[in-house]
Amino acid sequence: MEEAAIQDHVEKINNNGNLWIDIEKPTRNKIEMLGQKFSFNELNLEDCLSKIQITKIDRYEDHIFIILHFPTSQKEKGIPRFSQLSIFAGMNYLVTVHQGDLRPLIEMFQICKKSHEQRQ
């Protein structure tokens, strides 16, 4: 798997050997490339494509997979809307997968991307 192929489809920050890959609005193609690069469990990768999965933590020998739900600022008919955040965390990497409506996460990623000091 070419590193450039991943770069074309996701944003990433590499800092002192630690990698943060952030995928907004995941597509099957993006998730398949992620699976090829990291060899994640196929069911966890499928969970990233679903917008409605239960909150969970799956532990593996070399990483953990977490699904969390957060309220968004978008409301439909006065009812708060929730958005899923899928996280793969290993020794030297963090992968976040979401629908692009988690503003605090997006802002934090952009701050870290722009500021070397913030990445420390």
PDB file of N, CA and C in Angstrom:
ATOM      1  N   MET A   1       0.851  -1.182   0.000  1.00  0.00           N
ATOM      2  CA  MET A   1       0.000   0.000   0.000  1.00  0.00           C
ATOM      3  C   MET A   1       0.889   1.234   0.000  1.00  0.00           C
ATOM      4  N   GLU A   2       0.709   2.073  -0.974  1.00  0.00           N
ATOM      5  CA  GLU A   2       1.490   3.289  -1.095  1.00  0.00           C
ATOM      6  C   GLU A   2       1.037   4.323  -0.072  1.00  0.00           C
ATOM      7  N   GLU A   3       1.982   4.967   0.592  1.00  0.00           N
ATOM      8  CA  GLU A   3       1.659   6.030   1.545  1.00  0.00           C
ATOM      9  C   GLU A   3       0.923   7.163   0.838  1.00  0.00           C
ATOM     10  N   ALA A   4       1.301   7.454  -0.406  1.00  0.00           N
ATOM     11  CA  ALA A   4       0.646   8.528  -1.155  1.00  0.00           C
ATOM     12  C   ALA A   4      -0.828   8.233  -1.376  1.00  0.00           C
ATOM     13  N   ALA A   5      -1.190   6.972  -1.558  1.00  0.00           N
ATOM     14  CA  ALA A   5      -2.597   6.619  -1.774  1.00  0.00           C
ATOM     15  C   ALA A   5      -3.420   6.955  -0.540  1.00  0.00           C
ATOM     16  N   ILE A   6      -2.891   6.696   0.634  1.00  0.00           N
ATOM     17  CA  ILE A   6      -3.596   7.070   1.860  1.00  0.00           C
ATOM     18  C   ILE A   6      -3.688   8.592   1.947  1.00  0.00           C
ATOM     19  N   GLN A   7      -2.615   9.296   1.637  1.00  0.00           N
ATOM     20  CA  GLN A   7      -2.603  10.750   1.733  1.00  0.00           C
ATOM     21  C   GLN A   7      -3.653  11.384   0.836  1.00  0.00           C
ATOM     22  N   ASP A   8      -3.936  10.809  -0.309  1.00  0.00           N
ATOM     23  CA  ASP A   8      -4.911  11.374  -1.227  1.00  0.00           C
ATOM     24  C   ASP A   8      -6.321  11.348  -0.662  1.00  0.00           C
ATOM     25  N   HIS A   9      -6.574  10.523   0.327  1.00  0.00           N
ATOM     26  CA  HIS A   9      -7.939  10.319   0.792  1.00  0.00           C
ATOM     27  C   HIS A   9      -8.194  10.707   2.235  1.00  0.00           C
ATOM     28  N   VAL A  10      -7.180  11.050   2.981  1.00  0.00           N
ATOM     29  CA  VAL A  10      -7.340  11.393   4.392  1.00  0.00           C
ATOM     30  C   VAL A  10      -6.342  12.481   4.762  1.00  0.00           C
ATOM     31  N   GLU A  11      -6.588  13.100   5.924  1.00  0.00           N
ATOM     32  CA  GLU A  11      -5.602  14.046   6.440  1.00  0.00           C
ATOM     33  C   GLU A  11      -4.765  13.338   7.489  1.00  0.00           C
ATOM     34  N   LYS A  12      -3.524  13.748   7.615  1.00  0.00           N
ATOM     35  CA  LYS A  12      -2.677  13.118   8.622  1.00  0.00           C
ATOM     36  C   LYS A  12      -1.683  14.112   9.189  1.00  0.00           C
ATOM     37  N   ILE A  13      -1.262  13.804  10.389  1.00  0.00           N
ATOM     38  CA  ILE A  13      -0.209  14.559  11.068  1.00  0.00           C
ATOM     39  C   ILE A  13       0.819  13.535  11.528  1.00  0.00           C
ATOM     40  N   ASN A  14       2.073  13.786  11.213  1.00  0.00           N
ATOM     41  CA  ASN A  14       3.152  12.917  11.666  1.00  0.00           C
ATOM     42  C   ASN A  14       4.058  13.751  12.554  1.00  0.00           C
ATOM     43  N   ASN A  15       4.231  13.344  13.802  1.00  0.00           N
ATOM     44  CA  ASN A  15       5.024  14.110  14.754  1.00  0.00           C
ATOM     45  C   ASN A  15       5.932  13.173  15.542  1.00  0.00           C
ATOM     46  N   ASN A  16       7.220  13.284  15.310  1.00  0.00           N
ATOM     47  CA  ASN A  16       8.206  12.483  16.052  1.00  0.00           C
ATOM     48  C   ASN A  16       7.879  10.996  16.035  1.00  0.00           C
ATOM     49  N   GLY A  17       7.477  10.491  14.884  1.00  0.00           N
ATOM     50  CA  GLY A  17       7.174   9.070  14.755  1.00  0.00           C
ATOM     51  C   GLY A  17       5.776   8.678  15.192  1.00  0.00           C
ATOM     52  N   ASN A  18       4.983   9.646  15.647  1.00  0.00           N
ATOM     53  CA  ASN A  18       3.593   9.390  16.021  1.00  0.00           C
ATOM     54  C   ASN A  18       2.683   9.914  14.916  1.00  0.00           C
ATOM     55  N   LEU A  19       1.730   9.110  14.510  1.00  0.00           N
ATOM     56  CA  LEU A  19       0.874   9.438  13.377  1.00  0.00           C
ATOM     57  C   LEU A  19      -0.573   9.573  13.822  1.00  0.00           C
ATOM     58  N   TRP A  20      -1.234  10.650  13.379  1.00  0.00           N
ATOM     59  CA  TRP A  20      -2.676  10.815  13.574  1.00  0.00           C
ATOM     60  C   TRP A  20      -3.298  10.905  12.193  1.00  0.00           C
ATOM     61  N   ILE A  21      -4.144   9.953  11.869  1.00  0.00           N
ATOM     62  CA  ILE A  21      -4.883   9.955  10.609  1.00  0.00           C
ATOM     63  C   ILE A  21      -6.331  10.277  10.938  1.00  0.00           C
ATOM     64  N   ASP A  22      -6.888  11.265  10.255  1.00  0.00           N
ATOM     65  CA  ASP A  22      -8.275  11.672  10.477  1.00  0.00           C
ATOM     66  C   ASP A  22      -9.054  11.500   9.178  1.00  0.00           C
ATOM     67  N   ILE A  23     -10.112  10.702   9.245  1.00  0.00           N
ATOM     68  CA  ILE A  23     -10.947  10.447   8.070  1.00  0.00           C
ATOM     69  C   ILE A  23     -12.329  11.027   8.323  1.00  0.00           C
ATOM     70  N   GLU A  24     -12.690  12.020   7.516  1.00  0.00           N
ATOM     71  CA  GLU A  24     -14.033  12.588   7.571  1.00  0.00           C
ATOM     72  C   GLU A  24     -14.874  11.965   6.470  1.00  0.00           C
ATOM     73  N   LYS A  25     -16.137  11.720   6.775  1.00  0.00           N
ATOM     74  CA  LYS A  25     -17.075  11.154   5.807  1.00  0.00           C
ATOM     75  C   LYS A  25     -16.472   9.925   5.119  1.00  0.00           C
ATOM     76  N   PRO A  26     -16.295   8.864   5.878  1.00  0.00           N
ATOM     77  CA  PRO A  26     -15.623   7.676   5.328  1.00  0.00           C
ATOM     78  C   PRO A  26     -16.399   7.041   4.179  1.00  0.00           C
ATOM     79  N   THR A  27     -15.652   6.599   3.198  1.00  0.00           N
ATOM     80  CA  THR A  27     -16.212   5.829   2.085  1.00  0.00           C
ATOM     81  C   THR A  27     -15.632   4.417   2.180  1.00  0.00           C
ATOM     82  N   ARG A  28     -16.246   3.502   1.488  1.00  0.00           N
ATOM     83  CA  ARG A  28     -15.743   2.122   1.489  1.00  0.00           C
ATOM     84  C   ARG A  28     -14.290   2.102   1.009  1.00  0.00           C
ATOM     85  N   ASN A  29     -13.967   2.879  -0.012  1.00  0.00           N
ATOM     86  CA  ASN A  29     -12.606   2.918  -0.551  1.00  0.00           C
ATOM     87  C   ASN A  29     -11.600   3.394   0.504  1.00  0.00           C
ATOM     88  N   LYS A  30     -11.945   4.468   1.222  1.00  0.00           N
ATOM     89  CA  LYS A  30     -11.044   4.979   2.261  1.00  0.00           C
ATOM     90  C   LYS A  30     -10.825   3.939   3.358  1.00  0.00           C
ATOM     91  N   ILE A  31     -11.902   3.283   3.768  1.00  0.00           N
ATOM     92  CA  ILE A  31     -11.810   2.300   4.846  1.00  0.00           C
ATOM     93  C   ILE A  31     -11.029   1.065   4.394  1.00  0.00           C
ATOM     94  N   GLU A  32     -11.211   0.642   3.144  1.00  0.00           N
ATOM     95  CA  GLU A  32     -10.446  -0.501   2.631  1.00  0.00           C
ATOM     96  C   GLU A  32      -8.955  -0.186   2.602  1.00  0.00           C
ATOM     97  N   MET A  33      -8.596   1.026   2.180  1.00  0.00           N
ATOM     98  CA  MET A  33      -7.180   1.417   2.162  1.00  0.00           C
ATOM     99  C   MET A  33      -6.612   1.464   3.578  1.00  0.00           C
ATOM    100  N   LEU A  34      -7.417   1.940   4.518  1.00  0.00           N
ATOM    101  CA  LEU A  34      -6.994   1.963   5.914  1.00  0.00           C
ATOM    102  C   LEU A  34      -6.740   0.546   6.417  1.00  0.00           C
ATOM    103  N   GLY A  35      -7.639  -0.373   6.079  1.00  0.00           N
ATOM    104  CA  GLY A  35      -7.487  -1.774   6.480  1.00  0.00           C
ATOM    105  C   GLY A  35      -6.253  -2.421   5.881  1.00  0.00           C
ATOM    106  N   GLN A  36      -5.912  -2.052   4.649  1.00  0.00           N
ATOM    107  CA  GLN A  36      -4.713  -2.600   4.016  1.00  0.00           C
ATOM    108  C   GLN A  36      -3.451  -2.076   4.688  1.00  0.00           C
ATOM    109  N   LYS A  37      -3.487  -0.824   5.085  1.00  0.00           N
ATOM    110  CA  LYS A  37      -2.304  -0.230   5.710  1.00  0.00           C
ATOM    111  C   LYS A  37      -2.081  -0.768   7.123  1.00  0.00           C
ATOM    112  N   PHE A  38      -3.161  -0.959   7.889  1.00  0.00           N
ATOM    113  CA  PHE A  38      -3.019  -1.325   9.294  1.00  0.00           C
ATOM    114  C   PHE A  38      -3.480  -2.737   9.640  1.00  0.00           C
ATOM    115  N   SER A  39      -4.108  -3.443   8.752  1.00  0.00           N
ATOM    116  CA  SER A  39      -4.622  -4.797   9.028  1.00  0.00           C
ATOM    117  C   SER A  39      -5.569  -4.825  10.225  1.00  0.00           C
ATOM    118  N   PHE A  40      -6.482  -3.855  10.289  1.00  0.00           N
ATOM    119  CA  PHE A  40      -7.484  -3.824  11.349  1.00  0.00           C
ATOM    120  C   PHE A  40      -8.529  -4.901  11.115  1.00  0.00           C
ATOM    121  N   ASN A  41      -9.226  -5.290  12.173  1.00  0.00           N
ATOM    122  CA  ASN A  41     -10.311  -6.256  12.106  1.00  0.00           C
ATOM    123  C   ASN A  41     -11.386  -5.757  11.132  1.00  0.00           C
ATOM    124  N   GLU A  42     -11.833  -6.639  10.239  1.00  0.00           N
ATOM    125  CA  GLU A  42     -12.813  -6.250   9.218  1.00  0.00           C
ATOM    126  C   GLU A  42     -14.122  -5.758   9.813  1.00  0.00           C
ATOM    127  N   LEU A  43     -14.569  -6.359  10.909  1.00  0.00           N
ATOM    128  CA  LEU A  43     -15.819  -5.918  11.533  1.00  0.00           C
ATOM    129  C   LEU A  43     -15.686  -4.505  12.097  1.00  0.00           C
ATOM    130  N   ASN A  44     -14.518  -4.173  12.641  1.00  0.00           N
ATOM    131  CA  ASN A  44     -14.291  -2.812  13.131  1.00  0.00           C
ATOM    132  C   ASN A  44     -14.290  -1.813  11.981  1.00  0.00           C
ATOM    133  N   LEU A  45     -13.697  -2.206  10.861  1.00  0.00           N
ATOM    134  CA  LEU A  45     -13.700  -1.332   9.691  1.00  0.00           C
ATOM    135  C   LEU A  45     -15.124  -1.107   9.192  1.00  0.00           C
ATOM    136  N   GLU A  46     -15.930  -2.162   9.172  1.00  0.00           N
ATOM    137  CA  GLU A  46     -17.338  -2.031   8.770  1.00  0.00           C
ATOM    138  C   GLU A  46     -18.081  -1.108   9.732  1.00  0.00           C
ATOM    139  N   ASP A  47     -17.772  -1.214  11.020  1.00  0.00           N
ATOM    140  CA  ASP A  47     -18.411  -0.338  12.010  1.00  0.00           C
ATOM    141  C   ASP A  47     -18.160   1.135  11.695  1.00  0.00           C
ATOM    142  N   CYS A  48     -17.008   1.444  11.123  1.00  0.00           N
ATOM    143  CA  CYS A  48     -16.676   2.829  10.775  1.00  0.00           C
ATOM    144  C   CYS A  48     -17.587   3.375   9.680  1.00  0.00           C
ATOM    145  N   LEU A  49     -18.106   2.506   8.845  1.00  0.00           N
ATOM    146  CA  LEU A  49     -18.987   2.937   7.759  1.00  0.00           C
ATOM    147  C   LEU A  49     -20.423   3.127   8.222  1.00  0.00           C
ATOM    148  N   SER A  50     -20.779   2.496   9.309  1.00  0.00           N
ATOM    149  CA  SER A  50     -22.135   2.615   9.840  1.00  0.00           C
ATOM    150  C   SER A  50     -22.233   3.860  10.711  1.00  0.00           C
ATOM    151  N   LYS A  51     -23.340   4.567  10.610  1.00  0.00           N
ATOM    152  CA  LYS A  51     -23.536   5.759  11.435  1.00  0.00           C
ATOM    153  C   LYS A  51     -24.208   5.420  12.761  1.00  0.00           C
ATOM    154  N   ILE A  52     -24.680   4.187  12.891  1.00  0.00           N
ATOM    155  CA  ILE A  52     -25.411   3.803  14.100  1.00  0.00           C
ATOM    156  C   ILE A  52     -24.846   2.493  14.643  1.00  0.00           C
ATOM    157  N   GLN A  53     -23.807   2.592  15.438  1.00  0.00           N
ATOM    158  CA  GLN A  53     -23.234   1.434  16.125  1.00  0.00           C
ATOM    159  C   GLN A  53     -23.286   1.702  17.616  1.00  0.00           C
ATOM    160  N   ILE A  54     -23.342   0.657  18.397  1.00  0.00           N
ATOM    161  CA  ILE A  54     -23.346   0.857  19.841  1.00  0.00           C
ATOM    162  C   ILE A  54     -21.953   1.267  20.308  1.00  0.00           C
ATOM    163  N   THR A  55     -21.915   2.006  21.397  1.00  0.00           N
ATOM    164  CA  THR A  55     -20.643   2.383  22.001  1.00  0.00           C
ATOM    165  C   THR A  55     -19.937   1.112  22.458  1.00  0.00           C
ATOM    166  N   LYS A  56     -18.646   1.016  22.150  1.00  0.00           N
ATOM    167  CA  LYS A  56     -17.921  -0.195  22.535  1.00  0.00           C
ATOM    168  C   LYS A  56     -16.423   0.039  22.561  1.00  0.00           C
ATOM    169  N   ILE A  57     -15.730  -0.896  23.193  1.00  0.00           N
ATOM    170  CA  ILE A  57     -14.265  -0.943  23.182  1.00  0.00           C
ATOM    171  C   ILE A  57     -13.867  -2.374  22.868  1.00  0.00           C
ATOM    172  N   ASP A  58     -13.072  -2.551  21.813  1.00  0.00           N
ATOM    173  CA  ASP A  58     -12.505  -3.855  21.469  1.00  0.00           C
ATOM    174  C   ASP A  58     -10.998  -3.764  21.678  1.00  0.00           C
ATOM    175  N   ARG A  59     -10.450  -4.682  22.463  1.00  0.00           N
ATOM    176  CA  ARG A  59      -9.010  -4.685  22.743  1.00  0.00           C
ATOM    177  C   ARG A  59      -8.325  -5.772  21.924  1.00  0.00           C
ATOM    178  N   TYR A  60      -7.210  -5.391  21.310  1.00  0.00           N
ATOM    179  CA  TYR A  60      -6.394  -6.321  20.545  1.00  0.00           C
ATOM    180  C   TYR A  60      -4.975  -6.266  21.092  1.00  0.00           C
ATOM    181  N   GLU A  61      -4.137  -7.162  20.622  1.00  0.00           N
ATOM    182  CA  GLU A  61      -2.764  -7.225  21.117  1.00  0.00           C
ATOM    183  C   GLU A  61      -1.999  -5.927  20.861  1.00  0.00           C
ATOM    184  N   ASP A  62      -2.213  -5.317  19.698  1.00  0.00           N
ATOM    185  CA  ASP A  62      -1.419  -4.150  19.321  1.00  0.00           C
ATOM    186  C   ASP A  62      -2.194  -2.835  19.254  1.00  0.00           C
ATOM    187  N   HIS A  63      -3.510  -2.862  19.502  1.00  0.00           N
ATOM    188  CA  HIS A  63      -4.289  -1.621  19.464  1.00  0.00           C
ATOM    189  C   HIS A  63      -5.652  -1.820  20.129  1.00  0.00           C
ATOM    190  N   ILE A  64      -6.353  -0.710  20.294  1.00  0.00           N
ATOM    191  CA  ILE A  64      -7.740  -0.785  20.748  1.00  0.00           C
ATOM    192  C   ILE A  64      -8.620  -0.089  19.715  1.00  0.00           C
ATOM    193  N   PHE A  65      -9.878  -0.496  19.681  1.00  0.00           N
ATOM    194  CA  PHE A  65     -10.868   0.130  18.806  1.00  0.00           C
ATOM    195  C   PHE A  65     -12.011   0.602  19.691  1.00  0.00           C
ATOM    196  N   ILE A  66     -12.392   1.864  19.521  1.00  0.00           N
ATOM    197  CA  ILE A  66     -13.423   2.469  20.365  1.00  0.00           C
ATOM    198  C   ILE A  66     -14.468   3.143  19.481  1.00  0.00           C
ATOM    199  N   ILE A  67     -15.731   2.984  19.835  1.00  0.00           N
ATOM    200  CA  ILE A  67     -16.808   3.756  19.209  1.00  0.00           C
ATOM    201  C   ILE A  67     -17.471   4.575  20.307  1.00  0.00           C
ATOM    202  N   LEU A  68     -17.559   5.885  20.071  1.00  0.00           N
ATOM    203  CA  LEU A  68     -18.217   6.807  20.992  1.00  0.00           C
ATOM    204  C   LEU A  68     -19.249   7.622  20.217  1.00  0.00           C
ATOM    205  N   HIS A  69     -20.207   8.196  20.931  1.00  0.00           N
ATOM    206  CA  HIS A  69     -21.208   9.067  20.313  1.00  0.00           C
ATOM    207  C   HIS A  69     -21.205  10.410  21.035  1.00  0.00           C
ATOM    208  N   PHE A  70     -21.250  11.489  20.253  1.00  0.00           N
ATOM    209  CA  PHE A  70     -21.231  12.836  20.808  1.00  0.00           C
ATOM    210  C   PHE A  70     -22.376  13.647  20.227  1.00  0.00           C
ATOM    211  N   PRO A  71     -22.966  14.542  21.039  1.00  0.00           N
ATOM    212  CA  PRO A  71     -24.008  15.413  20.488  1.00  0.00           C
ATOM    213  C   PRO A  71     -23.375  16.430  19.549  1.00  0.00           C
ATOM    214  N   THR A  72     -24.098  16.785  18.516  1.00  0.00           N
ATOM    215  CA  THR A  72     -23.622  17.806  17.579  1.00  0.00           C
ATOM    216  C   THR A  72     -24.477  19.046  17.738  1.00  0.00           C
ATOM    217  N   SER A  73     -24.042  20.127  17.127  1.00  0.00           N
ATOM    218  CA  SER A  73     -24.799  21.374  17.207  1.00  0.00           C
ATOM    219  C   SER A  73     -25.999  21.364  16.264  1.00  0.00           C
ATOM    220  N   GLN A  74     -26.064  20.405  15.375  1.00  0.00           N
ATOM    221  CA  GLN A  74     -27.189  20.306  14.443  1.00  0.00           C
ATOM    222  C   GLN A  74     -28.355  19.616  15.132  1.00  0.00           C
ATOM    223  N   LYS A  75     -29.509  20.223  15.032  1.00  0.00           N
ATOM    224  CA  LYS A  75     -30.695  19.625  15.639  1.00  0.00           C
ATOM    225  C   LYS A  75     -31.764  19.438  14.571  1.00  0.00           C
ATOM    226  N   GLU A  76     -32.470  18.354  14.672  1.00  0.00           N
ATOM    227  CA  GLU A  76     -33.591  18.096  13.782  1.00  0.00           C
ATOM    228  C   GLU A  76     -34.855  18.103  14.615  1.00  0.00           C
ATOM    229  N   LYS A  77     -35.763  19.019  14.316  1.00  0.00           N
ATOM    230  CA  LYS A  77     -37.045  19.116  15.024  1.00  0.00           C
ATOM    231  C   LYS A  77     -36.847  19.258  16.532  1.00  0.00           C
ATOM    232  N   GLY A  78     -35.824  20.015  16.925  1.00  0.00           N
ATOM    233  CA  GLY A  78     -35.591  20.273  18.336  1.00  0.00           C
ATOM    234  C   GLY A  78     -34.960  19.130  19.110  1.00  0.00           C
ATOM    235  N   ILE A  79     -34.648  18.040  18.431  1.00  0.00           N
ATOM    236  CA  ILE A  79     -34.047  16.881  19.088  1.00  0.00           C
ATOM    237  C   ILE A  79     -32.544  16.889  18.807  1.00  0.00           C
ATOM    238  N   PRO A  80     -31.720  16.808  19.857  1.00  0.00           N
ATOM    239  CA  PRO A  80     -30.273  16.773  19.609  1.00  0.00           C
ATOM    240  C   PRO A  80     -29.896  15.578  18.731  1.00  0.00           C
ATOM    241  N   ARG A  81     -28.946  15.800  17.871  1.00  0.00           N
ATOM    242  CA  ARG A  81     -28.452  14.755  16.985  1.00  0.00           C
ATOM    243  C   ARG A  81     -27.100  14.282  17.510  1.00  0.00           C
ATOM    244  N   PHE A  82     -26.844  12.995  17.397  1.00  0.00           N
ATOM    245  CA  PHE A  82     -25.570  12.439  17.848  1.00  0.00           C
ATOM    246  C   PHE A  82     -24.763  11.965  16.652  1.00  0.00           C
ATOM    247  N   SER A  83     -23.455  12.035  16.790  1.00  0.00           N
ATOM    248  CA  SER A  83     -22.566  11.611  15.720  1.00  0.00           C
ATOM    249  C   SER A  83     -21.547  10.620  16.274  1.00  0.00           C
ATOM    250  N   GLN A  84     -21.227   9.642  15.460  1.00  0.00           N
ATOM    251  CA  GLN A  84     -20.318   8.571  15.869  1.00  0.00           C
ATOM    252  C   GLN A  84     -18.867   8.958  15.612  1.00  0.00           C
ATOM    253  N   LEU A  85     -18.015   8.628  16.565  1.00  0.00           N
ATOM    254  CA  LEU A  85     -16.567   8.758  16.411  1.00  0.00           C
ATOM    255  C   LEU A  85     -15.968   7.378  16.616  1.00  0.00           C
ATOM    256  N   SER A  86     -15.267   6.890  15.600  1.00  0.00           N
ATOM    257  CA  SER A  86     -14.567   5.604  15.685  1.00  0.00           C
ATOM    258  C   SER A  86     -13.083   5.899  15.837  1.00  0.00           C
ATOM    259  N   ILE A  87     -12.434   5.193  16.755  1.00  0.00           N
ATOM    260  CA  ILE A  87     -11.028   5.452  17.071  1.00  0.00           C
ATOM    261  C   ILE A  87     -10.250   4.139  17.080  1.00  0.00           C
ATOM    262  N   PHE A  88      -9.137   4.131  16.367  1.00  0.00           N
ATOM    263  CA  PHE A  88      -8.154   3.053  16.462  1.00  0.00           C
ATOM    264  C   PHE A  88      -6.931   3.686  17.118  1.00  0.00           C
ATOM    265  N   ALA A  89      -6.455   3.120  18.218  1.00  0.00           N
ATOM    266  CA  ALA A  89      -5.290   3.682  18.905  1.00  0.00           C
ATOM    267  C   ALA A  89      -4.269   2.586  19.155  1.00  0.00           C
ATOM    268  N   GLY A  90      -3.060   2.808  18.630  1.00  0.00           N
ATOM    269  CA  GLY A  90      -1.960   1.878  18.818  1.00  0.00           C
ATOM    270  C   GLY A  90      -0.777   2.601  19.432  1.00  0.00           C
ATOM    271  N   MET A  91       0.353   1.909  19.512  1.00  0.00           N
ATOM    272  CA  MET A  91       1.536   2.449  20.175  1.00  0.00           C
ATOM    273  C   MET A  91       1.987   3.787  19.578  1.00  0.00           C
ATOM    274  N   ASN A  92       2.017   3.909  18.268  1.00  0.00           N
ATOM    275  CA  ASN A  92       2.518   5.128  17.634  1.00  0.00           C
ATOM    276  C   ASN A  92       1.524   5.734  16.655  1.00  0.00           C
ATOM    277  N   TYR A  93       0.249   5.426  16.823  1.00  0.00           N
ATOM    278  CA  TYR A  93      -0.729   5.992  15.896  1.00  0.00           C
ATOM    279  C   TYR A  93      -2.096   6.151  16.542  1.00  0.00           C
ATOM    280  N   LEU A  94      -2.834   7.083  15.974  1.00  0.00           N
ATOM    281  CA  LEU A  94      -4.222   7.331  16.325  1.00  0.00           C
ATOM    282  C   LEU A  94      -4.963   7.526  15.011  1.00  0.00           C
ATOM    283  N   VAL A  95      -6.046   6.797  14.824  1.00  0.00           N
ATOM    284  CA  VAL A  95      -6.875   6.955  13.629  1.00  0.00           C
ATOM    285  C   VAL A  95      -8.268   7.326  14.106  1.00  0.00           C
ATOM    286  N   THR A  96      -8.789   8.454  13.616  1.00  0.00           N
ATOM    287  CA  THR A  96     -10.143   8.877  13.955  1.00  0.00           C
ATOM    288  C   THR A  96     -10.983   8.876  12.683  1.00  0.00           C
ATOM    289  N   VAL A  97     -12.203   8.352  12.806  1.00  0.00           N
ATOM    290  CA  VAL A  97     -13.119   8.256  11.663  1.00  0.00           C
ATOM    291  C   VAL A  97     -14.458   8.829  12.111  1.00  0.00           C
ATOM    292  N   HIS A  98     -14.973   9.808  11.340  1.00  0.00           N
ATOM    293  CA  HIS A  98     -16.220  10.474  11.725  1.00  0.00           C
ATOM    294  C   HIS A  98     -16.882  11.082  10.495  1.00  0.00           C
ATOM    295  N   GLN A  99     -18.086  11.604  10.689  1.00  0.00           N
ATOM    296  CA  GLN A  99     -18.870  12.151   9.582  1.00  0.00           C
ATOM    297  C   GLN A  99     -18.577  13.623   9.289  1.00  0.00           C
ATOM    298  N   GLY A 100     -17.668  14.231  10.014  1.00  0.00           N
ATOM    299  CA  GLY A 100     -17.291  15.614   9.741  1.00  0.00           C
ATOM    300  C   GLY A 100     -18.132  16.640  10.470  1.00  0.00           C
ATOM    301  N   ASP A 101     -18.958  16.211  11.414  1.00  0.00           N
ATOM    302  CA  ASP A 101     -19.793  17.168  12.135  1.00  0.00           C
ATOM    303  C   ASP A 101     -19.406  17.297  13.612  1.00  0.00           C
ATOM    304  N   LEU A 102     -18.239  16.807  13.960  1.00  0.00           N
ATOM    305  CA  LEU A 102     -17.726  16.944  15.330  1.00  0.00           C
ATOM    306  C   LEU A 102     -16.722  18.097  15.347  1.00  0.00           C
ATOM    307  N   ARG A 103     -17.232  19.317  15.433  1.00  0.00           N
ATOM    308  CA  ARG A 103     -16.395  20.506  15.315  1.00  0.00           C
ATOM    309  C   ARG A 103     -15.203  20.546  16.265  1.00  0.00           C
ATOM    310  N   PRO A 104     -15.370  20.199  17.546  1.00  0.00           N
ATOM    311  CA  PRO A 104     -14.191  20.244  18.436  1.00  0.00           C
ATOM    312  C   PRO A 104     -13.053  19.333  17.962  1.00  0.00           C
ATOM    313  N   LEU A 105     -13.383  18.159  17.456  1.00  0.00           N
ATOM    314  CA  LEU A 105     -12.356  17.243  16.946  1.00  0.00           C
ATOM    315  C   LEU A 105     -11.686  17.833  15.707  1.00  0.00           C
ATOM    316  N   ILE A 106     -12.480  18.369  14.798  1.00  0.00           N
ATOM    317  CA  ILE A 106     -11.937  18.966  13.573  1.00  0.00           C
ATOM    318  C   ILE A 106     -11.029  20.140  13.921  1.00  0.00           C
ATOM    319  N   GLU A 107     -11.477  20.983  14.839  1.00  0.00           N
ATOM    320  CA  GLU A 107     -10.668  22.139  15.238  1.00  0.00           C
ATOM    321  C   GLU A 107      -9.361  21.701  15.900  1.00  0.00           C
ATOM    322  N   MET A 108      -9.435  20.693  16.765  1.00  0.00           N
ATOM    323  CA  MET A 108      -8.223  20.202  17.427  1.00  0.00           C
ATOM    324  C   MET A 108      -7.240  19.636  16.396  1.00  0.00           C
ATOM    325  N   PHE A 109      -7.741  18.889  15.415  1.00  0.00           N
ATOM    326  CA  PHE A 109      -6.875  18.338  14.384  1.00  0.00           C
ATOM    327  C   PHE A 109      -6.190  19.467  13.609  1.00  0.00           C
ATOM    328  N   GLN A 110      -6.955  20.488  13.227  1.00  0.00           N
ATOM    329  CA  GLN A 110      -6.390  21.599  12.456  1.00  0.00           C
ATOM    330  C   GLN A 110      -5.352  22.379  13.265  1.00  0.00           C
ATOM    331  N   ILE A 111      -5.607  22.566  14.561  1.00  0.00           N
ATOM    332  CA  ILE A 111      -4.631  23.252  15.417  1.00  0.00           C
ATOM    333  C   ILE A 111      -3.334  22.449  15.472  1.00  0.00           C
ATOM    334  N   CYS A 112      -3.445  21.153  15.679  1.00  0.00           N
ATOM    335  CA  CYS A 112      -2.251  20.296  15.739  1.00  0.00           C
ATOM    336  C   CYS A 112      -1.530  20.255  14.398  1.00  0.00           C
ATOM    337  N   LYS A 113      -2.292  20.281  13.327  1.00  0.00           N
ATOM    338  CA  LYS A 113      -1.701  20.239  11.990  1.00  0.00           C
ATOM    339  C   LYS A 113      -0.886  21.503  11.708  1.00  0.00           C
ATOM    340  N   LYS A 114      -1.382  22.640  12.167  1.00  0.00           N
ATOM    341  CA  LYS A 114      -0.739  23.919  11.871  1.00  0.00           C
ATOM    342  C   LYS A 114       0.367  24.286  12.850  1.00  0.00           C
ATOM    343  N   SER A 115       0.287  23.805  14.094  1.00  0.00           N
ATOM    344  CA  SER A 115       1.205  24.261  15.134  1.00  0.00           C
ATOM    345  C   SER A 115       2.038  23.118  15.698  1.00  0.00           C
ATOM    346  N   HIS A 116       3.333  23.179  15.442  1.00  0.00           N
ATOM    347  CA  HIS A 116       4.245  22.176  15.989  1.00  0.00           C
ATOM    348  C   HIS A 116       4.198  22.181  17.520  1.00  0.00           C
ATOM    349  N   GLU A 117       4.088  23.366  18.113  1.00  0.00           N
ATOM    350  CA  GLU A 117       4.042  23.472  19.577  1.00  0.00           C
ATOM    351  C   GLU A 117       2.831  22.744  20.154  1.00  0.00           C
ATOM    352  N   GLN A 118       1.691  22.818  19.482  1.00  0.00           N
ATOM    353  CA  GLN A 118       0.476  22.166  19.976  1.00  0.00           C
ATOM    354  C   GLN A 118       0.573  20.645  19.898  1.00  0.00           C
ATOM    355  N   ARG A 119       1.419  20.138  19.017  1.00  0.00           N
ATOM    356  CA  ARG A 119       1.575  18.682  18.878  1.00  0.00           C
ATOM    357  C   ARG A 119       2.405  18.080  19.993  1.00  0.00           C
ATOM    358  N   GLN A 120       3.123  18.897  20.709  1.00  0.00           N
ATOM    359  CA  GLN A 120       4.002  18.388  21.770  1.00  0.00           C
ATOM    360  C   GLN A 120       3.199  18.015  22.928  1.00  0.00           C
TER     361      GLN A 120
END
